[in-house]
Amino acid sequence: MTDYLGLSRRDVGAGLAAGGSAFLAAVLVNLWNFVQTFRARGFDSVSLAEYRTGVGEIIFLGMIVTPVVALLVTAVVWRVMMPDEPDPRYGAVAGIVSAIGSLFIYAVLLGIMLSLSQSSAGGLGGGVSEFLFLTALIALFGSVIVLSVIAPIGATVGYGYEWYLTRR
């Protein structure tokens, strides 16, 4: 994998660390949403059935896609942004940039997935407007709600990864 497409072990290692932390963040956010849903509606079999209808697929998609997106975005950010020598401060900044980039790429992917049903049921114009609306909505609320969780995680992982490399 070293030198494939210009990526080094350091770039791929940062991507793997970010993928693991993105999975952890996705689990935490989804658990929070799960608990808040039942707190508002009451924990009974009807609310569980309502929660699983339609929303379960989005959560499942997020749990699979988020770590892969974070791995790819972080490997690219580390390749483009990082100096040759490990520096924890640059790692923290690169971790935040990776978290923000991953969030917006995930919003685009989720907008595409959710608008496919609209475009298959009707015209292309409805699918495009659905894509733009959903992507903007997910990016806006994702950045407001989720960014406060993933930016510190990205900074901590980036700092910790670069700190580990300086100590090796």
N, C-alpha and C. Protein backbone atom coordinates (compact mmCIF):
# COMPACT_ATOMS: atom_id res chain seq x y z
N MET A 1 0.82 -1.19 0.00
CA MET A 1 0.00 0.00 0.00
C MET A 1 0.87 1.25 0.00
N THR A 2 2.08 1.14 0.48
CA THR A 2 2.96 2.28 0.49
C THR A 2 3.25 2.73 -0.93
N ASP A 3 3.14 4.02 -1.16
CA ASP A 3 3.41 4.66 -2.43
C ASP A 3 2.37 4.35 -3.50
N TYR A 4 1.27 3.74 -3.14
CA TYR A 4 0.18 3.53 -4.09
C TYR A 4 -0.61 4.83 -4.16
N LEU A 5 -0.69 5.41 -5.32
CA LEU A 5 -1.33 6.71 -5.54
C LEU A 5 -0.70 7.81 -4.69
N GLY A 6 0.56 7.63 -4.32
CA GLY A 6 1.25 8.64 -3.55
C GLY A 6 0.97 8.60 -2.06
N LEU A 7 0.19 7.63 -1.60
CA LEU A 7 -0.13 7.54 -0.18
C LEU A 7 0.98 6.81 0.56
N SER A 8 1.25 7.26 1.77
CA SER A 8 2.24 6.60 2.60
C SER A 8 1.54 5.83 3.72
N ARG A 9 2.30 5.11 4.49
CA ARG A 9 1.72 4.40 5.64
C ARG A 9 1.14 5.39 6.64
N ARG A 10 1.78 6.53 6.75
CA ARG A 10 1.29 7.57 7.66
C ARG A 10 -0.09 8.05 7.24
N ASP A 11 -0.30 8.28 5.94
CA ASP A 11 -1.59 8.74 5.45
C ASP A 11 -2.68 7.70 5.68
N VAL A 12 -2.36 6.46 5.36
CA VAL A 12 -3.34 5.38 5.53
C VAL A 12 -3.60 5.13 7.02
N GLY A 13 -2.56 5.22 7.84
CA GLY A 13 -2.75 5.05 9.29
C GLY A 13 -3.65 6.12 9.87
N ALA A 14 -3.48 7.35 9.42
CA ALA A 14 -4.36 8.43 9.88
C ALA A 14 -5.79 8.16 9.42
N GLY A 15 -5.95 7.65 8.19
CA GLY A 15 -7.28 7.32 7.71
C GLY A 15 -7.93 6.21 8.53
N LEU A 16 -7.15 5.22 8.89
CA LEU A 16 -7.69 4.13 9.71
C LEU A 16 -8.07 4.63 11.10
N ALA A 17 -7.24 5.48 11.68
CA ALA A 17 -7.58 6.05 12.99
C ALA A 17 -8.85 6.89 12.91
N ALA A 18 -8.98 7.67 11.85
CA ALA A 18 -10.18 8.49 11.68
C ALA A 18 -11.41 7.63 11.39
N GLY A 19 -11.24 6.56 10.63
CA GLY A 19 -12.36 5.66 10.37
C GLY A 19 -12.88 5.03 11.65
N GLY A 20 -11.97 4.63 12.53
CA GLY A 20 -12.38 4.07 13.82
C GLY A 20 -13.08 5.09 14.69
N SER A 21 -12.56 6.32 14.70
CA SER A 21 -13.21 7.35 15.50
C SER A 21 -14.54 7.78 14.89
N ALA A 22 -14.65 7.74 13.56
CA ALA A 22 -15.93 8.06 12.92
C ALA A 22 -16.98 7.00 13.25
N PHE A 23 -16.55 5.76 13.32
CA PHE A 23 -17.48 4.70 13.72
C PHE A 23 -17.95 4.93 15.16
N LEU A 24 -17.02 5.29 16.03
CA LEU A 24 -17.38 5.58 17.42
C LEU A 24 -18.34 6.77 17.49
N ALA A 25 -18.06 7.82 16.74
CA ALA A 25 -18.95 8.99 16.73
C ALA A 25 -20.32 8.63 16.19
N ALA A 26 -20.38 7.81 15.13
CA ALA A 26 -21.67 7.39 14.58
C ALA A 26 -22.46 6.57 15.59
N VAL A 27 -21.79 5.71 16.32
CA VAL A 27 -22.47 4.92 17.36
C VAL A 27 -23.01 5.84 18.44
N LEU A 28 -22.21 6.80 18.89
CA LEU A 28 -22.66 7.71 19.95
C LEU A 28 -23.83 8.58 19.50
N VAL A 29 -23.76 9.13 18.30
CA VAL A 29 -24.85 9.98 17.79
C VAL A 29 -26.12 9.15 17.61
N ASN A 30 -25.99 7.95 17.07
CA ASN A 30 -27.18 7.12 16.85
C ASN A 30 -27.77 6.63 18.16
N LEU A 31 -26.94 6.33 19.15
CA LEU A 31 -27.47 5.96 20.46
C LEU A 31 -28.20 7.14 21.10
N TRP A 32 -27.65 8.33 20.96
CA TRP A 32 -28.31 9.52 21.49
C TRP A 32 -29.67 9.72 20.82
N ASN A 33 -29.72 9.60 19.50
CA ASN A 33 -30.99 9.75 18.78
C ASN A 33 -31.98 8.67 19.18
N PHE A 34 -31.50 7.46 19.35
CA PHE A 34 -32.36 6.34 19.74
C PHE A 34 -32.97 6.59 21.11
N VAL A 35 -32.15 7.02 22.06
CA VAL A 35 -32.64 7.28 23.42
C VAL A 35 -33.60 8.47 23.42
N GLN A 36 -33.28 9.53 22.71
CA GLN A 36 -34.14 10.71 22.68
C GLN A 36 -35.49 10.42 22.03
N THR A 37 -35.50 9.56 21.02
CA THR A 37 -36.76 9.20 20.37
C THR A 37 -37.69 8.51 21.36
N PHE A 38 -37.17 7.58 22.14
CA PHE A 38 -38.02 6.85 23.06
C PHE A 38 -38.34 7.67 24.30
N ARG A 39 -37.49 8.61 24.63
CA ARG A 39 -37.81 9.49 25.75
C ARG A 39 -38.99 10.38 25.40
N ALA A 40 -39.04 10.81 24.15
CA ALA A 40 -40.13 11.70 23.74
C ALA A 40 -41.44 10.93 23.54
N ARG A 41 -41.37 9.73 22.99
CA ARG A 41 -42.59 8.99 22.65
C ARG A 41 -42.97 7.93 23.67
N GLY A 42 -42.09 7.56 24.50
CA GLY A 42 -42.34 6.47 25.43
C GLY A 42 -41.85 5.17 24.83
N PHE A 43 -41.31 4.33 25.67
CA PHE A 43 -40.71 3.08 25.19
C PHE A 43 -41.77 2.00 25.16
N ASP A 44 -42.37 1.80 24.00
CA ASP A 44 -43.33 0.72 23.83
C ASP A 44 -43.13 0.11 22.44
N SER A 45 -43.82 -0.95 22.17
CA SER A 45 -43.60 -1.68 20.92
C SER A 45 -44.05 -0.87 19.70
N VAL A 46 -45.06 -0.01 19.86
CA VAL A 46 -45.52 0.80 18.73
C VAL A 46 -44.45 1.82 18.34
N SER A 47 -43.86 2.51 19.33
CA SER A 47 -42.84 3.50 19.01
C SER A 47 -41.59 2.82 18.45
N LEU A 48 -41.28 1.62 18.91
CA LEU A 48 -40.14 0.89 18.37
C LEU A 48 -40.39 0.54 16.90
N ALA A 49 -41.60 0.12 16.58
CA ALA A 49 -41.93 -0.20 15.19
C ALA A 49 -41.90 1.05 14.32
N GLU A 50 -42.39 2.18 14.84
CA GLU A 50 -42.35 3.43 14.08
C GLU A 50 -40.91 3.89 13.87
N TYR A 51 -40.09 3.73 14.89
CA TYR A 51 -38.69 4.16 14.79
C TYR A 51 -37.94 3.35 13.76
N ARG A 52 -38.21 2.07 13.72
CA ARG A 52 -37.48 1.20 12.80
C ARG A 52 -37.94 1.37 11.36
N THR A 53 -39.13 1.86 11.13
CA THR A 53 -39.64 2.02 9.77
C THR A 53 -39.02 3.27 9.15
N GLY A 54 -38.18 3.06 8.15
CA GLY A 54 -37.60 4.18 7.42
C GLY A 54 -36.34 4.75 8.03
N VAL A 55 -36.26 4.84 9.33
CA VAL A 55 -35.10 5.45 9.97
C VAL A 55 -33.98 4.44 10.16
N GLY A 56 -34.32 3.20 10.35
CA GLY A 56 -33.30 2.17 10.58
C GLY A 56 -32.33 2.03 9.43
N GLU A 57 -32.84 2.20 8.21
CA GLU A 57 -31.96 2.09 7.05
C GLU A 57 -30.96 3.23 7.00
N ILE A 58 -31.38 4.43 7.37
CA ILE A 58 -30.47 5.58 7.39
C ILE A 58 -29.40 5.37 8.45
N ILE A 59 -29.79 4.89 9.61
CA ILE A 59 -28.82 4.64 10.67
C ILE A 59 -27.84 3.55 10.24
N PHE A 60 -28.34 2.49 9.64
CA PHE A 60 -27.48 1.41 9.19
C PHE A 60 -26.53 1.91 8.11
N LEU A 61 -27.02 2.73 7.19
CA LEU A 61 -26.18 3.31 6.15
C LEU A 61 -25.09 4.18 6.77
N GLY A 62 -25.46 4.97 7.76
CA GLY A 62 -24.48 5.82 8.43
C GLY A 62 -23.40 5.03 9.14
N MET A 63 -23.77 3.91 9.73
CA MET A 63 -22.79 3.11 10.46
C MET A 63 -21.80 2.44 9.52
N ILE A 64 -22.20 2.18 8.29
CA ILE A 64 -21.31 1.54 7.33
C ILE A 64 -20.52 2.57 6.52
N VAL A 65 -21.20 3.59 6.04
CA VAL A 65 -20.60 4.54 5.11
C VAL A 65 -19.68 5.54 5.83
N THR A 66 -20.04 5.97 7.01
CA THR A 66 -19.28 7.00 7.71
C THR A 66 -17.82 6.63 7.93
N PRO A 67 -17.49 5.44 8.43
CA PRO A 67 -16.06 5.12 8.59
C PRO A 67 -15.30 5.06 7.27
N VAL A 68 -15.93 4.59 6.22
CA VAL A 68 -15.26 4.51 4.91
C VAL A 68 -14.99 5.91 4.37
N VAL A 69 -15.98 6.79 4.47
CA VAL A 69 -15.81 8.17 4.02
C VAL A 69 -14.71 8.85 4.83
N ALA A 70 -14.73 8.66 6.15
CA ALA A 70 -13.71 9.28 7.00
C ALA A 70 -12.31 8.75 6.67
N LEU A 71 -12.19 7.46 6.40
CA LEU A 71 -10.90 6.89 6.03
C LEU A 71 -10.36 7.54 4.76
N LEU A 72 -11.19 7.64 3.74
CA LEU A 72 -10.76 8.21 2.46
C LEU A 72 -10.44 9.70 2.57
N VAL A 73 -11.33 10.45 3.21
CA VAL A 73 -11.11 11.90 3.33
C VAL A 73 -9.86 12.19 4.16
N THR A 74 -9.68 11.46 5.25
CA THR A 74 -8.52 11.71 6.11
C THR A 74 -7.22 11.34 5.42
N ALA A 75 -7.21 10.26 4.67
CA ALA A 75 -5.99 9.89 3.95
C ALA A 75 -5.62 10.97 2.94
N VAL A 76 -6.61 11.54 2.27
CA VAL A 76 -6.35 12.62 1.31
C VAL A 76 -5.88 13.88 2.03
N VAL A 77 -6.55 14.23 3.14
CA VAL A 77 -6.16 15.43 3.90
C VAL A 77 -4.74 15.28 4.42
N TRP A 78 -4.40 14.11 4.93
CA TRP A 78 -3.05 13.90 5.46
C TRP A 78 -2.02 13.97 4.33
N ARG A 79 -2.38 13.48 3.18
CA ARG A 79 -1.46 13.51 2.04
C ARG A 79 -1.22 14.94 1.57
N VAL A 80 -2.27 15.75 1.52
CA VAL A 80 -2.18 17.10 0.98
C VAL A 80 -1.68 18.10 2.01
N MET A 81 -2.14 17.98 3.24
CA MET A 81 -1.98 19.03 4.22
C MET A 81 -0.79 18.88 5.17
N MET A 82 -0.36 17.69 5.43
CA MET A 82 0.61 17.47 6.50
C MET A 82 2.06 17.63 6.03
N PRO A 83 2.89 18.23 6.89
CA PRO A 83 4.32 18.31 6.56
C PRO A 83 4.98 16.94 6.69
N ASP A 84 6.23 16.86 6.27
CA ASP A 84 6.93 15.57 6.30
C ASP A 84 7.17 15.07 7.72
N GLU A 85 7.49 15.96 8.62
CA GLU A 85 7.73 15.57 10.01
C GLU A 85 6.43 15.59 10.80
N PRO A 86 6.19 14.59 11.64
CA PRO A 86 4.96 14.57 12.44
C PRO A 86 4.89 15.76 13.40
N ASP A 87 3.75 16.39 13.45
CA ASP A 87 3.52 17.53 14.34
C ASP A 87 2.10 17.43 14.89
N PRO A 88 1.95 17.24 16.20
CA PRO A 88 0.61 17.06 16.78
C PRO A 88 -0.33 18.25 16.54
N ARG A 89 0.19 19.48 16.51
CA ARG A 89 -0.69 20.63 16.28
C ARG A 89 -1.29 20.60 14.88
N TYR A 90 -0.47 20.29 13.89
CA TYR A 90 -1.00 20.13 12.54
C TYR A 90 -1.98 18.96 12.47
N GLY A 91 -1.68 17.92 13.24
CA GLY A 91 -2.58 16.77 13.27
C GLY A 91 -3.96 17.12 13.80
N ALA A 92 -4.02 18.00 14.82
CA ALA A 92 -5.31 18.42 15.36
C ALA A 92 -6.10 19.21 14.32
N VAL A 93 -5.42 20.12 13.62
CA VAL A 93 -6.10 20.91 12.58
C VAL A 93 -6.56 20.00 11.44
N ALA A 94 -5.68 19.09 11.02
CA ALA A 94 -6.05 18.16 9.94
C ALA A 94 -7.19 17.25 10.37
N GLY A 95 -7.24 16.89 11.63
CA GLY A 95 -8.35 16.08 12.14
C GLY A 95 -9.68 16.81 12.07
N ILE A 96 -9.68 18.10 12.38
CA ILE A 96 -10.90 18.90 12.28
C ILE A 96 -11.33 19.05 10.82
N VAL A 97 -10.36 19.33 9.94
CA VAL A 97 -10.66 19.45 8.51
C VAL A 97 -11.23 18.14 7.98
N SER A 98 -10.66 17.03 8.40
CA SER A 98 -11.15 15.72 7.97
C SER A 98 -12.56 15.46 8.46
N ALA A 99 -12.84 15.83 9.70
CA ALA A 99 -14.18 15.61 10.25
C ALA A 99 -15.22 16.44 9.49
N ILE A 100 -14.89 17.70 9.20
CA ILE A 100 -15.83 18.57 8.47
C ILE A 100 -16.01 18.06 7.04
N GLY A 101 -14.92 17.68 6.39
CA GLY A 101 -15.02 17.15 5.03
C GLY A 101 -15.82 15.86 4.98
N SER A 102 -15.62 15.00 5.95
CA SER A 102 -16.37 13.75 6.01
C SER A 102 -17.85 14.00 6.21
N LEU A 103 -18.18 14.98 7.05
CA LEU A 103 -19.58 15.31 7.30
C LEU A 103 -20.27 15.77 6.03
N PHE A 104 -19.63 16.65 5.27
CA PHE A 104 -20.28 17.17 4.08
C PHE A 104 -20.33 16.14 2.94
N ILE A 105 -19.33 15.30 2.82
CA ILE A 105 -19.38 14.24 1.81
C ILE A 105 -20.46 13.22 2.18
N TYR A 106 -20.58 12.91 3.46
CA TYR A 106 -21.64 12.01 3.90
C TYR A 106 -23.02 12.62 3.62
N ALA A 107 -23.16 13.94 3.81
CA ALA A 107 -24.44 14.59 3.52
C ALA A 107 -24.78 14.47 2.04
N VAL A 108 -23.80 14.63 1.18
CA VAL A 108 -24.03 14.49 -0.26
C VAL A 108 -24.44 13.06 -0.59
N LEU A 109 -23.74 12.08 -0.03
CA LEU A 109 -24.08 10.68 -0.30
C LEU A 109 -25.48 10.34 0.20
N LEU A 110 -25.82 10.82 1.37
CA LEU A 110 -27.15 10.56 1.91
C LEU A 110 -28.22 11.26 1.08
N GLY A 111 -27.93 12.46 0.61
CA GLY A 111 -28.87 13.16 -0.28
C GLY A 111 -29.09 12.40 -1.57
N ILE A 112 -28.03 11.82 -2.13
CA ILE A 112 -28.16 11.02 -3.34
C ILE A 112 -29.02 9.79 -3.08
N MET A 113 -28.74 9.09 -1.98
CA MET A 113 -29.49 7.87 -1.68
C MET A 113 -30.97 8.15 -1.45
N LEU A 114 -31.28 9.22 -0.73
CA LEU A 114 -32.68 9.52 -0.43
C LEU A 114 -33.42 10.11 -1.63
N SER A 115 -32.70 10.74 -2.55
CA SER A 115 -33.38 11.31 -3.72
C SER A 115 -33.55 10.31 -4.85
N LEU A 116 -32.90 9.16 -4.77
CA LEU A 116 -33.07 8.15 -5.82
C LEU A 116 -34.50 7.66 -5.91
N SER A 117 -35.17 7.54 -4.78
CA SER A 117 -36.56 7.09 -4.81
C SER A 117 -37.44 8.13 -5.50
N GLN A 118 -37.15 9.41 -5.30
CA GLN A 118 -37.93 10.46 -5.95
C GLN A 118 -37.72 10.46 -7.45
N SER A 119 -36.48 10.28 -7.89
CA SER A 119 -36.21 10.31 -9.32
C SER A 119 -36.72 9.06 -10.03
N SER A 120 -36.76 7.93 -9.31
CA SER A 120 -37.29 6.71 -9.93
C SER A 120 -38.81 6.74 -10.01
N ALA A 121 -39.46 7.48 -9.11
CA ALA A 121 -40.91 7.55 -9.11
C ALA A 121 -41.45 8.63 -10.04
N GLY A 122 -40.65 9.63 -10.32
CA GLY A 122 -41.13 10.73 -11.15
C GLY A 122 -40.06 11.21 -12.09
N GLY A 123 -40.10 12.49 -12.36
CA GLY A 123 -39.14 13.08 -13.29
C GLY A 123 -37.81 13.37 -12.64
N LEU A 124 -36.87 13.76 -13.47
CA LEU A 124 -35.53 14.08 -13.02
C LEU A 124 -35.51 15.38 -12.21
N GLY A 125 -36.38 16.31 -12.56
CA GLY A 125 -36.43 17.58 -11.83
C GLY A 125 -36.79 17.39 -10.37
N GLY A 126 -37.72 16.50 -10.09
CA GLY A 126 -38.08 16.21 -8.70
C GLY A 126 -36.94 15.58 -7.93
N GLY A 127 -36.20 14.71 -8.58
CA GLY A 127 -35.06 14.07 -7.93
C GLY A 127 -33.94 15.05 -7.63
N VAL A 128 -33.70 15.97 -8.56
CA VAL A 128 -32.64 16.97 -8.35
C VAL A 128 -33.03 17.93 -7.24
N SER A 129 -34.27 18.40 -7.23
CA SER A 129 -34.69 19.31 -6.16
C SER A 129 -34.70 18.59 -4.81
N GLU A 130 -35.09 17.33 -4.81
CA GLU A 130 -35.05 16.53 -3.57
C GLU A 130 -33.62 16.38 -3.08
N PHE A 131 -32.68 16.12 -4.00
CA PHE A 131 -31.27 15.99 -3.65
C PHE A 131 -30.74 17.29 -3.04
N LEU A 132 -31.01 18.41 -3.70
CA LEU A 132 -30.51 19.70 -3.20
C LEU A 132 -31.10 20.03 -1.84
N PHE A 133 -32.40 19.82 -1.67
CA PHE A 133 -33.04 20.11 -0.40
C PHE A 133 -32.51 19.22 0.71
N LEU A 134 -32.46 17.92 0.47
CA LEU A 134 -32.01 17.00 1.51
C LEU A 134 -30.54 17.20 1.85
N THR A 135 -29.71 17.42 0.85
CA THR A 135 -28.29 17.62 1.12
C THR A 135 -28.07 18.89 1.93
N ALA A 136 -28.74 19.97 1.56
CA ALA A 136 -28.61 21.21 2.31
C ALA A 136 -29.14 21.06 3.73
N LEU A 137 -30.26 20.36 3.88
CA LEU A 137 -30.84 20.15 5.20
C LEU A 137 -29.93 19.32 6.08
N ILE A 138 -29.41 18.23 5.54
CA ILE A 138 -28.52 17.36 6.32
C ILE A 138 -27.23 18.08 6.65
N ALA A 139 -26.67 18.82 5.68
CA ALA A 139 -25.42 19.55 5.94
C ALA A 139 -25.63 20.64 6.99
N LEU A 140 -26.75 21.35 6.92
CA LEU A 140 -27.01 22.42 7.87
C LEU A 140 -27.19 21.86 9.28
N PHE A 141 -28.13 20.95 9.45
CA PHE A 141 -28.38 20.43 10.78
C PHE A 141 -27.25 19.52 11.25
N GLY A 142 -26.60 18.84 10.32
CA GLY A 142 -25.44 18.04 10.69
C GLY A 142 -24.32 18.90 11.21
N SER A 143 -24.10 20.04 10.56
CA SER A 143 -23.02 20.91 11.03
C SER A 143 -23.38 21.57 12.35
N VAL A 144 -24.64 21.87 12.57
CA VAL A 144 -25.04 22.50 13.82
C VAL A 144 -25.01 21.51 14.98
N ILE A 145 -25.55 20.33 14.76
CA ILE A 145 -25.71 19.36 15.85
C ILE A 145 -24.50 18.45 15.99
N VAL A 146 -24.08 17.85 14.90
CA VAL A 146 -23.07 16.80 14.97
C VAL A 146 -21.65 17.36 15.00
N LEU A 147 -21.45 18.53 14.42
CA LEU A 147 -20.10 19.09 14.35
C LEU A 147 -19.51 19.35 15.73
N SER A 148 -20.36 19.68 16.68
CA SER A 148 -19.87 19.90 18.04
C SER A 148 -19.36 18.61 18.68
N VAL A 149 -19.75 17.47 18.13
CA VAL A 149 -19.27 16.18 18.63
C VAL A 149 -18.07 15.70 17.83
N ILE A 150 -18.14 15.80 16.50
CA ILE A 150 -17.09 15.19 15.69
C ILE A 150 -15.85 16.06 15.55
N ALA A 151 -15.96 17.39 15.67
CA ALA A 151 -14.77 18.23 15.57
C ALA A 151 -13.79 17.96 16.72
N PRO A 152 -14.24 17.89 17.98
CA PRO A 152 -13.30 17.54 19.05
C PRO A 152 -12.74 16.12 18.92
N ILE A 153 -13.58 15.20 18.44
CA ILE A 153 -13.07 13.83 18.24
C ILE A 153 -12.01 13.82 17.15
N GLY A 154 -12.26 14.53 16.04
CA GLY A 154 -11.27 14.61 14.96
C GLY A 154 -9.99 15.27 15.42
N ALA A 155 -10.10 16.35 16.19
CA ALA A 155 -8.90 17.03 16.70
C ALA A 155 -8.12 16.13 17.64
N THR A 156 -8.82 15.43 18.51
CA THR A 156 -8.15 14.54 19.46
C THR A 156 -7.46 13.38 18.75
N VAL A 157 -8.13 12.79 17.78
CA VAL A 157 -7.54 11.66 17.05
C VAL A 157 -6.35 12.14 16.22
N GLY A 158 -6.48 13.27 15.54
CA GLY A 158 -5.37 13.80 14.75
C GLY A 158 -4.17 14.15 15.61
N TYR A 159 -4.44 14.82 16.74
CA TYR A 159 -3.36 15.16 17.66
C TYR A 159 -2.70 13.90 18.23
N GLY A 160 -3.53 12.95 18.66
CA GLY A 160 -3.01 11.72 19.24
C GLY A 160 -2.22 10.89 18.24
N TYR A 161 -2.67 10.83 17.01
CA TYR A 161 -1.96 10.06 15.99
C TYR A 161 -0.60 10.69 15.69
N GLU A 162 -0.56 11.99 15.52
CA GLU A 162 0.71 12.65 15.26
C GLU A 162 1.63 12.61 16.48
N TRP A 163 1.05 12.70 17.67
CA TRP A 163 1.83 12.60 18.91
C TRP A 163 2.46 11.21 19.00
N TYR A 164 1.70 10.18 18.65
CA TYR A 164 2.23 8.82 18.65
C TYR A 164 3.39 8.69 17.67
N LEU A 165 3.25 9.29 16.50
CA LEU A 165 4.33 9.21 15.50
C LEU A 165 5.58 9.95 15.94
N THR A 166 5.44 11.04 16.68
CA THR A 166 6.62 11.76 17.17
C THR A 166 7.33 10.98 18.26
N ARG A 167 6.63 10.16 19.00
CA ARG A 167 7.23 9.39 20.10
C ARG A 167 7.85 8.07 19.64
N ARG A 168 7.55 7.67 18.43
CA ARG A 168 8.06 6.38 17.92
C ARG A 168 9.51 6.44 17.60
